[in-house]
Amino acid sequence: MKDALLATLIEEYSAVEAFASILTLETKALTALSPLELLPPIVEKKTELIGTLARLEATRDEQLAQMGFPAGWSGMELAASTDARLSGQWSLLQKAAERARRFNTSNGELIRVRMDYNQRALTALQVTVPKRAGFYGPDGRIPAQPAL
């Protein structure tokens, strides 16, 4: 049973590393001049990896339960304390997950900054211009002048 859990941890570590790599690509896309062409395949791959990670976590929790340990972090900590191989792989997985979390937080900040910039640009473009003769409206026409 410990071998199956170890195999799951190794697979989970690989998936987290792949997720961290895709987050690095996302960072590059978010700092590009025009990220819209680059982001869709990145989002697709992130979604796929999130599904893989959820499946692996569920498998790990099932394996922990079969070994008599609780699910989640606490159960994995207990299992790791009983086997050096599990402990080493669990440590690698935690470090990779922390690195991915930092990348994800950084990307979230980049997105927030870009959204803030876009909102300010939209606000600037929506400034109300005083109605004066010769100015055209949003429909491209010059409004009729009221009779005096």
C-alpha atoms as a PDB file:
ATOM      1  CA  MET A   1       0.000   0.000   0.000  1.00  0.00           C
ATOM      2  CA  LYS A   2       2.871   2.390   0.751  1.00  0.00           C
ATOM      3  CA  ASP A   3       4.246   1.754  -2.744  1.00  0.00           C
ATOM      4  CA  ALA A   4       0.918   2.787  -4.295  1.00  0.00           C
ATOM      5  CA  LEU A   5       0.855   5.935  -2.162  1.00  0.00           C
ATOM      6  CA  LEU A   6       4.447   6.697  -3.143  1.00  0.00           C
ATOM      7  CA  ALA A   7       3.555   6.280  -6.829  1.00  0.00           C
ATOM      8  CA  THR A   8       0.617   8.674  -6.384  1.00  0.00           C
ATOM      9  CA  LEU A   9       2.871  11.238  -4.676  1.00  0.00           C
ATOM     10  CA  ILE A  10       5.386  10.986  -7.528  1.00  0.00           C
ATOM     11  CA  GLU A  11       2.615  11.481 -10.096  1.00  0.00           C
ATOM     12  CA  GLU A  12       1.182  14.364  -8.070  1.00  0.00           C
ATOM     13  CA  TYR A  13       4.619  15.982  -7.862  1.00  0.00           C
ATOM     14  CA  SER A  14       4.985  15.750 -11.662  1.00  0.00           C
ATOM     15  CA  ALA A  15       1.557  17.332 -12.148  1.00  0.00           C
ATOM     16  CA  VAL A  16       2.377  20.184  -9.736  1.00  0.00           C
ATOM     17  CA  GLU A  17       5.678  20.789 -11.544  1.00  0.00           C
ATOM     18  CA  ALA A  18       3.809  20.891 -14.871  1.00  0.00           C
ATOM     19  CA  PHE A  19       1.319  23.319 -13.297  1.00  0.00           C
ATOM     20  CA  ALA A  20       4.165  25.553 -12.075  1.00  0.00           C
ATOM     21  CA  SER A  21       5.659  25.497 -15.579  1.00  0.00           C
ATOM     22  CA  ILE A  22       2.382  26.547 -17.163  1.00  0.00           C
ATOM     23  CA  LEU A  23       2.121  29.335 -14.588  1.00  0.00           C
ATOM     24  CA  THR A  24       5.540  30.543 -15.733  1.00  0.00           C
ATOM     25  CA  LEU A  25       4.224  30.646 -19.304  1.00  0.00           C
ATOM     26  CA  GLU A  26       1.182  32.509 -18.033  1.00  0.00           C
ATOM     27  CA  THR A  27       3.464  35.093 -16.395  1.00  0.00           C
ATOM     28  CA  LYS A  28       5.220  35.661 -19.720  1.00  0.00           C
ATOM     29  CA  ALA A  29       1.873  35.968 -21.501  1.00  0.00           C
ATOM     30  CA  LEU A  30       0.519  38.413 -18.926  1.00  0.00           C
ATOM     31  CA  THR A  31       3.556  40.654 -19.336  1.00  0.00           C
ATOM     32  CA  ALA A  32       3.411  40.518 -23.145  1.00  0.00           C
ATOM     33  CA  LEU A  33       2.138  43.506 -25.073  1.00  0.00           C
ATOM     34  CA  SER A  34      -0.832  41.536 -26.403  1.00  0.00           C
ATOM     35  CA  PRO A  35      -1.559  38.535 -24.172  1.00  0.00           C
ATOM     36  CA  LEU A  36      -4.952  37.624 -25.617  1.00  0.00           C
ATOM     37  CA  GLU A  37      -3.546  35.319 -28.300  1.00  0.00           C
ATOM     38  CA  LEU A  38      -1.299  33.532 -25.797  1.00  0.00           C
ATOM     39  CA  LEU A  39      -3.688  32.954 -22.898  1.00  0.00           C
ATOM     40  CA  PRO A  40      -6.376  30.552 -24.226  1.00  0.00           C
ATOM     41  CA  PRO A  41      -4.113  27.476 -24.604  1.00  0.00           C
ATOM     42  CA  ILE A  42      -2.529  28.270 -21.228  1.00  0.00           C
ATOM     43  CA  VAL A  43      -5.928  28.438 -19.531  1.00  0.00           C
ATOM     44  CA  GLU A  44      -6.920  25.180 -21.232  1.00  0.00           C
ATOM     45  CA  LYS A  45      -3.785  23.410 -19.965  1.00  0.00           C
ATOM     46  CA  LYS A  46      -4.224  24.867 -16.457  1.00  0.00           C
ATOM     47  CA  THR A  47      -7.796  23.562 -16.370  1.00  0.00           C
ATOM     48  CA  GLU A  48      -6.628  20.118 -17.461  1.00  0.00           C
ATOM     49  CA  LEU A  49      -3.902  20.065 -14.799  1.00  0.00           C
ATOM     50  CA  ILE A  50      -6.302  21.201 -12.078  1.00  0.00           C
ATOM     51  CA  GLY A  51      -8.515  18.224 -12.946  1.00  0.00           C
ATOM     52  CA  THR A  52      -5.511  15.898 -12.822  1.00  0.00           C
ATOM     53  CA  LEU A  53      -4.433  17.291  -9.445  1.00  0.00           C
ATOM     54  CA  ALA A  54      -7.948  16.910  -8.020  1.00  0.00           C
ATOM     55  CA  ARG A  55      -8.066  13.279  -9.197  1.00  0.00           C
ATOM     56  CA  LEU A  56      -4.644  12.543  -7.709  1.00  0.00           C
ATOM     57  CA  GLU A  57      -5.559  14.170  -4.401  1.00  0.00           C
ATOM     58  CA  ALA A  58      -8.710  12.037  -4.210  1.00  0.00           C
ATOM     59  CA  THR A  59      -6.648   8.920  -4.973  1.00  0.00           C
ATOM     60  CA  ARG A  60      -4.140   9.878  -2.282  1.00  0.00           C
ATOM     61  CA  ASP A  61      -6.938  10.393   0.257  1.00  0.00           C
ATOM     62  CA  GLU A  62      -8.399   6.964  -0.601  1.00  0.00           C
ATOM     63  CA  GLN A  63      -4.991   5.354  -0.166  1.00  0.00           C
ATOM     64  CA  LEU A  64      -4.491   7.106   3.154  1.00  0.00           C
ATOM     65  CA  ALA A  65      -7.896   5.868   4.342  1.00  0.00           C
ATOM     66  CA  GLN A  66      -6.995   2.303   3.351  1.00  0.00           C
ATOM     67  CA  MET A  67      -3.859   2.641   5.455  1.00  0.00           C
ATOM     68  CA  GLY A  68      -5.887   3.915   8.433  1.00  0.00           C
ATOM     69  CA  PHE A  69      -4.843   7.566   8.133  1.00  0.00           C
ATOM     70  CA  PRO A  70      -7.111  10.608   7.859  1.00  0.00           C
ATOM     71  CA  ALA A  71      -7.440  12.377   4.521  1.00  0.00           C
ATOM     72  CA  GLY A  72      -5.587  15.510   3.568  1.00  0.00           C
ATOM     73  CA  TRP A  73      -2.469  17.134   4.862  1.00  0.00           C
ATOM     74  CA  SER A  74      -2.675  15.711   8.385  1.00  0.00           C
ATOM     75  CA  GLY A  75      -3.045  12.159   7.131  1.00  0.00           C
ATOM     76  CA  MET A  76      -0.152  12.573   4.745  1.00  0.00           C
ATOM     77  CA  GLU A  77       2.006  13.983   7.529  1.00  0.00           C
ATOM     78  CA  LEU A  78       1.249  10.903   9.638  1.00  0.00           C
ATOM     79  CA  ALA A  79       1.946   8.513   6.752  1.00  0.00           C
ATOM     80  CA  ALA A  80       5.178  10.336   5.905  1.00  0.00           C
ATOM     81  CA  SER A  81       6.342   9.977   9.487  1.00  0.00           C
ATOM     82  CA  THR A  82       6.236   6.189   9.078  1.00  0.00           C
ATOM     83  CA  ASP A  83       8.321   5.877   5.896  1.00  0.00           C
ATOM     84  CA  ALA A  84      11.415   7.767   4.711  1.00  0.00           C
ATOM     85  CA  ARG A  85      10.512   7.387   1.012  1.00  0.00           C
ATOM     86  CA  LEU A  86       7.061   8.871   1.599  1.00  0.00           C
ATOM     87  CA  SER A  87       8.578  11.624   3.703  1.00  0.00           C
ATOM     88  CA  GLY A  88      11.059  12.620   0.994  1.00  0.00           C
ATOM     89  CA  GLN A  89       8.466  12.625  -1.779  1.00  0.00           C
ATOM     90  CA  TRP A  90       5.935  14.466   0.403  1.00  0.00           C
ATOM     91  CA  SER A  91       8.556  17.136   1.091  1.00  0.00           C
ATOM     92  CA  LEU A  92       9.264  17.537  -2.639  1.00  0.00           C
ATOM     93  CA  LEU A  93       5.539  17.810  -3.350  1.00  0.00           C
ATOM     94  CA  GLN A  94       5.056  20.473  -0.677  1.00  0.00           C
ATOM     95  CA  LYS A  95       7.952  22.546  -2.048  1.00  0.00           C
ATOM     96  CA  ALA A  96       6.616  22.306  -5.595  1.00  0.00           C
ATOM     97  CA  ALA A  97       3.122  23.253  -4.417  1.00  0.00           C
ATOM     98  CA  GLU A  98       4.488  26.293  -2.567  1.00  0.00           C
ATOM     99  CA  ARG A  99       6.379  27.406  -5.671  1.00  0.00           C
ATOM    100  CA  ALA A 100       3.215  27.018  -7.783  1.00  0.00           C
ATOM    101  CA  ARG A 101       1.231  28.969  -5.173  1.00  0.00           C
ATOM    102  CA  ARG A 102       3.727  31.857  -5.362  1.00  0.00           C
ATOM    103  CA  PHE A 103       3.553  31.908  -9.178  1.00  0.00           C
ATOM    104  CA  ASN A 104      -0.238  31.833  -9.042  1.00  0.00           C
ATOM    105  CA  THR A 105      -0.352  34.693  -6.528  1.00  0.00           C
ATOM    106  CA  SER A 106       2.029  36.730  -8.669  1.00  0.00           C
ATOM    107  CA  ASN A 107      -0.056  36.092 -11.783  1.00  0.00           C
ATOM    108  CA  GLY A 108      -3.181  37.121  -9.901  1.00  0.00           C
ATOM    109  CA  GLU A 109      -1.488  40.421  -9.073  1.00  0.00           C
ATOM    110  CA  LEU A 110      -0.472  40.918 -12.720  1.00  0.00           C
ATOM    111  CA  ILE A 111      -4.075  40.328 -13.759  1.00  0.00           C
ATOM    112  CA  ARG A 112      -5.330  42.790 -11.130  1.00  0.00           C
ATOM    113  CA  VAL A 113      -2.891  45.476 -12.306  1.00  0.00           C
ATOM    114  CA  ARG A 114      -3.847  44.926 -15.952  1.00  0.00           C
ATOM    115  CA  MET A 115      -7.561  45.075 -15.112  1.00  0.00           C
ATOM    116  CA  ASP A 116      -7.040  48.270 -13.118  1.00  0.00           C
ATOM    117  CA  TYR A 117      -5.162  49.835 -16.028  1.00  0.00           C
ATOM    118  CA  ASN A 118      -7.908  48.804 -18.463  1.00  0.00           C
ATOM    119  CA  GLN A 119     -10.589  50.237 -16.180  1.00  0.00           C
ATOM    120  CA  ARG A 120      -8.753  53.572 -15.930  1.00  0.00           C
ATOM    121  CA  ALA A 121      -8.326  53.651 -19.717  1.00  0.00           C
ATOM    122  CA  LEU A 122     -12.048  53.012 -20.203  1.00  0.00           C
ATOM    123  CA  THR A 123     -12.895  55.717 -17.692  1.00  0.00           C
ATOM    124  CA  ALA A 124     -10.665  58.170 -19.526  1.00  0.00           C
ATOM    125  CA  LEU A 125     -12.325  57.317 -22.825  1.00  0.00           C
ATOM    126  CA  GLN A 126     -15.782  57.812 -21.350  1.00  0.00           C
ATOM    127  CA  VAL A 127     -15.185  61.404 -20.266  1.00  0.00           C
ATOM    128  CA  THR A 128     -18.241  63.467 -21.063  1.00  0.00           C
ATOM    129  CA  VAL A 129     -17.407  66.042 -23.669  1.00  0.00           C
ATOM    130  CA  PRO A 130     -19.396  69.288 -23.496  1.00  0.00           C
ATOM    131  CA  LYS A 131     -21.883  69.494 -26.328  1.00  0.00           C
ATOM    132  CA  ARG A 132     -20.517  72.089 -28.712  1.00  0.00           C
ATOM    133  CA  ALA A 133     -21.274  72.739 -32.301  1.00  0.00           C
ATOM    134  CA  GLY A 134     -19.196  70.620 -34.618  1.00  0.00           C
ATOM    135  CA  PHE A 135     -18.624  67.760 -32.140  1.00  0.00           C
ATOM    136  CA  TYR A 136     -20.012  64.478 -33.290  1.00  0.00           C
ATOM    137  CA  GLY A 137     -21.813  62.091 -30.990  1.00  0.00           C
ATOM    138  CA  PRO A 138     -21.264  58.378 -30.387  1.00  0.00           C
ATOM    139  CA  ASP A 139     -23.300  57.608 -33.517  1.00  0.00           C
ATOM    140  CA  GLY A 140     -20.839  59.609 -35.634  1.00  0.00           C
ATOM    141  CA  ARG A 141     -23.292  62.427 -36.375  1.00  0.00           C
ATOM    142  CA  ILE A 142     -23.143  66.073 -35.442  1.00  0.00           C
ATOM    143  CA  PRO A 143     -26.204  66.833 -33.292  1.00  0.00           C
ATOM    144  CA  ALA A 144     -28.689  69.383 -34.606  1.00  0.00           C
ATOM    145  CA  GLN A 145     -28.337  72.848 -33.111  1.00  0.00           C
ATOM    146  CA  PRO A 146     -31.345  74.100 -31.173  1.00  0.00           C
ATOM    147  CA  ALA A 147     -33.140  77.016 -32.805  1.00  0.00           C
ATOM    148  CA  LEU A 148     -32.445  80.339 -31.135  1.00  0.00           C
END
